[in-house]
Amino acid sequence: MKASDGTDPKEFIANFFTSFMHDLVRGDEDPATVVDRYHTPDIVQVADGHLMDRAKLIAHTRPARKHQTGARWEVHEAIADGDRIAARYTLHFQTSTREGSVDVYFFGQFADDGRMRQAHMLTRAVPVRASDEEQLST
């Protein structure tokens, strides 16, 4: 992604993750095919200090395909400079056993074709409020 291509960085990052998760969870393609559609072969992703290359990313996606029932990205702010995007967003997710939200601070680099080349993320689980727990238990 290039800042000069006119795409709003907030929209780009929300669409990137939404499309990737949709293709991964709702499709029947091999996870490696989906990962390769959205990431360059030399992808390096570091989340909270844990490094994932292409092989580890593919392995990480397999449980998501099995358990993910919904996800929504709420992008609070994002800026782009050339092929780099910095964003702050909240991922709201549902799995077969739980739901929750995670705040994410994302710094990424994308290839000209829109695939992710590199990502560094710091995350924080959003605490469940007492009123949320009451609604979930009723």
C-alpha atoms as a PDB file:
ATOM      1  CA  MET A   1       0.000   0.000   0.000  1.00  0.00           C
ATOM      2  CA  LYS A   2       1.311   3.397  -0.863  1.00  0.00           C
ATOM      3  CA  ALA A   3       0.057   6.553   0.823  1.00  0.00           C
ATOM      4  CA  SER A   4      -0.126   8.183  -2.592  1.00  0.00           C
ATOM      5  CA  ASP A   5      -2.651   5.694  -3.993  1.00  0.00           C
ATOM      6  CA  GLY A   6      -5.531   7.534  -2.319  1.00  0.00           C
ATOM      7  CA  THR A   7      -6.701   4.696  -0.087  1.00  0.00           C
ATOM      8  CA  ASP A   8      -7.675   5.804   3.420  1.00  0.00           C
ATOM      9  CA  PRO A   9      -5.249   3.936   5.752  1.00  0.00           C
ATOM     10  CA  LYS A  10      -8.071   3.194   8.250  1.00  0.00           C
ATOM     11  CA  GLU A  11     -10.159   1.657   5.491  1.00  0.00           C
ATOM     12  CA  PHE A  12      -7.191  -0.227   4.013  1.00  0.00           C
ATOM     13  CA  ILE A  13      -6.212  -1.908   7.292  1.00  0.00           C
ATOM     14  CA  ALA A  14      -9.807  -2.749   8.252  1.00  0.00           C
ATOM     15  CA  ASN A  15     -10.453  -4.220   4.797  1.00  0.00           C
ATOM     16  CA  PHE A  16      -7.166  -6.132   4.808  1.00  0.00           C
ATOM     17  CA  PHE A  17      -7.861  -7.957   8.076  1.00  0.00           C
ATOM     18  CA  THR A  18     -11.589  -8.417   7.421  1.00  0.00           C
ATOM     19  CA  SER A  19     -10.975  -9.924   3.970  1.00  0.00           C
ATOM     20  CA  PHE A  20      -8.130 -12.113   5.190  1.00  0.00           C
ATOM     21  CA  MET A  21     -10.203 -13.526   8.056  1.00  0.00           C
ATOM     22  CA  HIS A  22     -13.272 -13.992   5.847  1.00  0.00           C
ATOM     23  CA  ASP A  23     -11.290 -15.901   3.210  1.00  0.00           C
ATOM     24  CA  LEU A  24      -9.576 -17.971   5.881  1.00  0.00           C
ATOM     25  CA  VAL A  25     -12.612 -18.881   7.988  1.00  0.00           C
ATOM     26  CA  ARG A  26     -15.451 -18.942   5.456  1.00  0.00           C
ATOM     27  CA  GLY A  27     -13.606 -20.378   2.480  1.00  0.00           C
ATOM     28  CA  ASP A  28     -12.516 -23.928   1.785  1.00  0.00           C
ATOM     29  CA  GLU A  29      -9.098 -23.144   0.325  1.00  0.00           C
ATOM     30  CA  ASP A  30      -5.966 -24.456   1.963  1.00  0.00           C
ATOM     31  CA  PRO A  31      -4.816 -21.970   4.663  1.00  0.00           C
ATOM     32  CA  ALA A  32      -1.417 -21.659   2.929  1.00  0.00           C
ATOM     33  CA  THR A  33      -3.143 -20.394  -0.223  1.00  0.00           C
ATOM     34  CA  VAL A  34      -5.046 -17.778   1.770  1.00  0.00           C
ATOM     35  CA  VAL A  35      -1.936 -16.694   3.702  1.00  0.00           C
ATOM     36  CA  ASP A  36      -0.022 -16.311   0.424  1.00  0.00           C
ATOM     37  CA  ARG A  37      -2.812 -14.174  -1.064  1.00  0.00           C
ATOM     38  CA  TYR A  38      -2.452 -11.645   1.780  1.00  0.00           C
ATOM     39  CA  HIS A  39       1.238 -11.939   2.739  1.00  0.00           C
ATOM     40  CA  THR A  40       4.532 -11.933   0.861  1.00  0.00           C
ATOM     41  CA  PRO A  41       6.621 -15.152   1.006  1.00  0.00           C
ATOM     42  CA  ASP A  42       9.155 -13.410   3.272  1.00  0.00           C
ATOM     43  CA  ILE A  43       6.517 -12.245   5.801  1.00  0.00           C
ATOM     44  CA  VAL A  44       7.820 -11.462   9.258  1.00  0.00           C
ATOM     45  CA  GLN A  45       5.198 -10.848  11.894  1.00  0.00           C
ATOM     46  CA  VAL A  46       6.044 -10.099  15.522  1.00  0.00           C
ATOM     47  CA  ALA A  47       3.180  -9.989  18.001  1.00  0.00           C
ATOM     48  CA  ASP A  48       4.036  -9.216  21.616  1.00  0.00           C
ATOM     49  CA  GLY A  49       7.587 -10.385  21.011  1.00  0.00           C
ATOM     50  CA  HIS A  50       6.616 -13.684  19.309  1.00  0.00           C
ATOM     51  CA  LEU A  51       8.092 -14.027  15.828  1.00  0.00           C
ATOM     52  CA  MET A  52       6.111 -15.723  13.068  1.00  0.00           C
ATOM     53  CA  ASP A  53       7.423 -16.427   9.607  1.00  0.00           C
ATOM     54  CA  ARG A  54       5.242 -17.814   6.811  1.00  0.00           C
ATOM     55  CA  ALA A  55       5.224 -21.386   8.141  1.00  0.00           C
ATOM     56  CA  LYS A  56       4.345 -20.304  11.681  1.00  0.00           C
ATOM     57  CA  LEU A  57       1.661 -17.952  10.388  1.00  0.00           C
ATOM     58  CA  ILE A  58       0.035 -20.763   8.420  1.00  0.00           C
ATOM     59  CA  ALA A  59       0.127 -23.019  11.494  1.00  0.00           C
ATOM     60  CA  HIS A  60      -1.379 -20.182  13.560  1.00  0.00           C
ATOM     61  CA  THR A  61      -4.300 -19.800  11.130  1.00  0.00           C
ATOM     62  CA  ARG A  62      -5.452 -23.419  11.328  1.00  0.00           C
ATOM     63  CA  PRO A  63      -7.078 -23.076  14.800  1.00  0.00           C
ATOM     64  CA  ALA A  64      -8.719 -19.801  13.716  1.00  0.00           C
ATOM     65  CA  ARG A  65     -10.394 -21.619  10.855  1.00  0.00           C
ATOM     66  CA  LYS A  66     -11.690 -24.251  13.242  1.00  0.00           C
ATOM     67  CA  HIS A  67     -12.909 -22.023  16.108  1.00  0.00           C
ATOM     68  CA  GLN A  68     -13.504 -18.470  14.812  1.00  0.00           C
ATOM     69  CA  THR A  69     -17.193 -17.586  14.563  1.00  0.00           C
ATOM     70  CA  GLY A  70     -16.916 -13.817  14.109  1.00  0.00           C
ATOM     71  CA  ALA A  71     -14.542 -10.865  14.126  1.00  0.00           C
ATOM     72  CA  ARG A  72     -14.761  -7.124  13.679  1.00  0.00           C
ATOM     73  CA  TRP A  73     -11.945  -4.575  13.412  1.00  0.00           C
ATOM     74  CA  GLU A  74     -12.661  -1.150  14.875  1.00  0.00           C
ATOM     75  CA  VAL A  75      -9.866   1.056  13.540  1.00  0.00           C
ATOM     76  CA  HIS A  76      -9.490   4.126  15.748  1.00  0.00           C
ATOM     77  CA  GLU A  77      -6.690   5.783  13.804  1.00  0.00           C
ATOM     78  CA  ALA A  78      -4.217   4.944  11.077  1.00  0.00           C
ATOM     79  CA  ILE A  79      -1.570   6.804   9.138  1.00  0.00           C
ATOM     80  CA  ALA A  80       0.405   5.794   6.076  1.00  0.00           C
ATOM     81  CA  ASP A  81       3.782   6.836   4.761  1.00  0.00           C
ATOM     82  CA  GLY A  82       4.730   5.158   1.511  1.00  0.00           C
ATOM     83  CA  ASP A  83       4.471   1.401   2.038  1.00  0.00           C
ATOM     84  CA  ARG A  84       4.122   1.638   5.835  1.00  0.00           C
ATOM     85  CA  ILE A  85       1.033   1.919   8.008  1.00  0.00           C
ATOM     86  CA  ALA A  86       0.728   2.563  11.722  1.00  0.00           C
ATOM     87  CA  ALA A  87      -2.679   1.872  13.220  1.00  0.00           C
ATOM     88  CA  ARG A  88      -4.459   1.602  16.535  1.00  0.00           C
ATOM     89  CA  TYR A  89      -7.471  -0.666  16.475  1.00  0.00           C
ATOM     90  CA  THR A  90      -9.629  -2.948  18.572  1.00  0.00           C
ATOM     91  CA  LEU A  91     -10.288  -6.488  17.398  1.00  0.00           C
ATOM     92  CA  HIS A  92     -13.633  -7.800  18.645  1.00  0.00           C
ATOM     93  CA  PHE A  93     -13.822 -11.581  18.234  1.00  0.00           C
ATOM     94  CA  GLN A  94     -16.027 -14.566  18.874  1.00  0.00           C
ATOM     95  CA  THR A  95     -14.930 -18.176  18.956  1.00  0.00           C
ATOM     96  CA  SER A  96     -16.858 -21.361  19.605  1.00  0.00           C
ATOM     97  CA  THR A  97     -16.069 -21.006  23.331  1.00  0.00           C
ATOM     98  CA  ARG A  98     -15.666 -17.303  24.123  1.00  0.00           C
ATOM     99  CA  GLU A  99     -15.740 -13.714  22.954  1.00  0.00           C
ATOM    100  CA  GLY A 100     -13.581 -10.746  23.731  1.00  0.00           C
ATOM    101  CA  SER A 101     -11.745  -7.695  22.526  1.00  0.00           C
ATOM    102  CA  VAL A 102      -8.080  -6.889  22.068  1.00  0.00           C
ATOM    103  CA  ASP A 103      -6.513  -3.454  21.616  1.00  0.00           C
ATOM    104  CA  VAL A 104      -3.762  -3.568  18.989  1.00  0.00           C
ATOM    105  CA  TYR A 105      -0.960  -1.144  18.150  1.00  0.00           C
ATOM    106  CA  PHE A 106       0.118  -2.115  14.648  1.00  0.00           C
ATOM    107  CA  PHE A 107       3.143  -1.083  12.584  1.00  0.00           C
ATOM    108  CA  GLY A 108       3.280  -2.717   9.172  1.00  0.00           C
ATOM    109  CA  GLN A 109       4.897  -2.653   5.779  1.00  0.00           C
ATOM    110  CA  PHE A 110       3.049  -3.682   2.616  1.00  0.00           C
ATOM    111  CA  ALA A 111       4.161  -4.641  -0.878  1.00  0.00           C
ATOM    112  CA  ASP A 112       2.945  -2.663  -3.895  1.00  0.00           C
ATOM    113  CA  ASP A 113       0.310  -5.351  -4.531  1.00  0.00           C
ATOM    114  CA  GLY A 114      -1.214  -4.815  -1.054  1.00  0.00           C
ATOM    115  CA  ARG A 115       0.200  -7.930   0.597  1.00  0.00           C
ATOM    116  CA  MET A 116       1.706  -7.604   4.059  1.00  0.00           C
ATOM    117  CA  ARG A 117       5.491  -7.860   4.130  1.00  0.00           C
ATOM    118  CA  GLN A 118       6.175  -7.119   7.786  1.00  0.00           C
ATOM    119  CA  ALA A 119       4.143  -6.431  10.926  1.00  0.00           C
ATOM    120  CA  HIS A 120       4.934  -5.558  14.509  1.00  0.00           C
ATOM    121  CA  MET A 121       2.064  -5.581  16.978  1.00  0.00           C
ATOM    122  CA  LEU A 122       1.585  -4.917  20.637  1.00  0.00           C
ATOM    123  CA  THR A 123      -1.688  -6.130  22.112  1.00  0.00           C
ATOM    124  CA  ARG A 124      -3.700  -5.755  25.281  1.00  0.00           C
ATOM    125  CA  ALA A 125      -6.805  -7.724  26.200  1.00  0.00           C
ATOM    126  CA  VAL A 126      -9.685  -5.348  26.878  1.00  0.00           C
ATOM    127  CA  PRO A 127     -10.999  -6.129  30.361  1.00  0.00           C
ATOM    128  CA  VAL A 128     -14.575  -7.368  30.503  1.00  0.00           C
ATOM    129  CA  ARG A 129     -16.735  -4.946  32.459  1.00  0.00           C
ATOM    130  CA  ALA A 130     -19.061  -6.262  35.167  1.00  0.00           C
ATOM    131  CA  SER A 131     -22.106  -5.223  33.099  1.00  0.00           C
ATOM    132  CA  ASP A 132     -20.729  -7.224  30.132  1.00  0.00           C
ATOM    133  CA  GLU A 133     -20.273 -10.343  32.283  1.00  0.00           C
ATOM    134  CA  GLU A 134     -23.871 -10.059  33.521  1.00  0.00           C
ATOM    135  CA  GLN A 135     -25.161  -9.853  29.945  1.00  0.00           C
ATOM    136  CA  LEU A 136     -23.061 -12.852  28.890  1.00  0.00           C
ATOM    137  CA  SER A 137     -24.299 -15.010  31.777  1.00  0.00           C
ATOM    138  CA  THR A 138     -28.005 -14.331  31.197  1.00  0.00           C
END
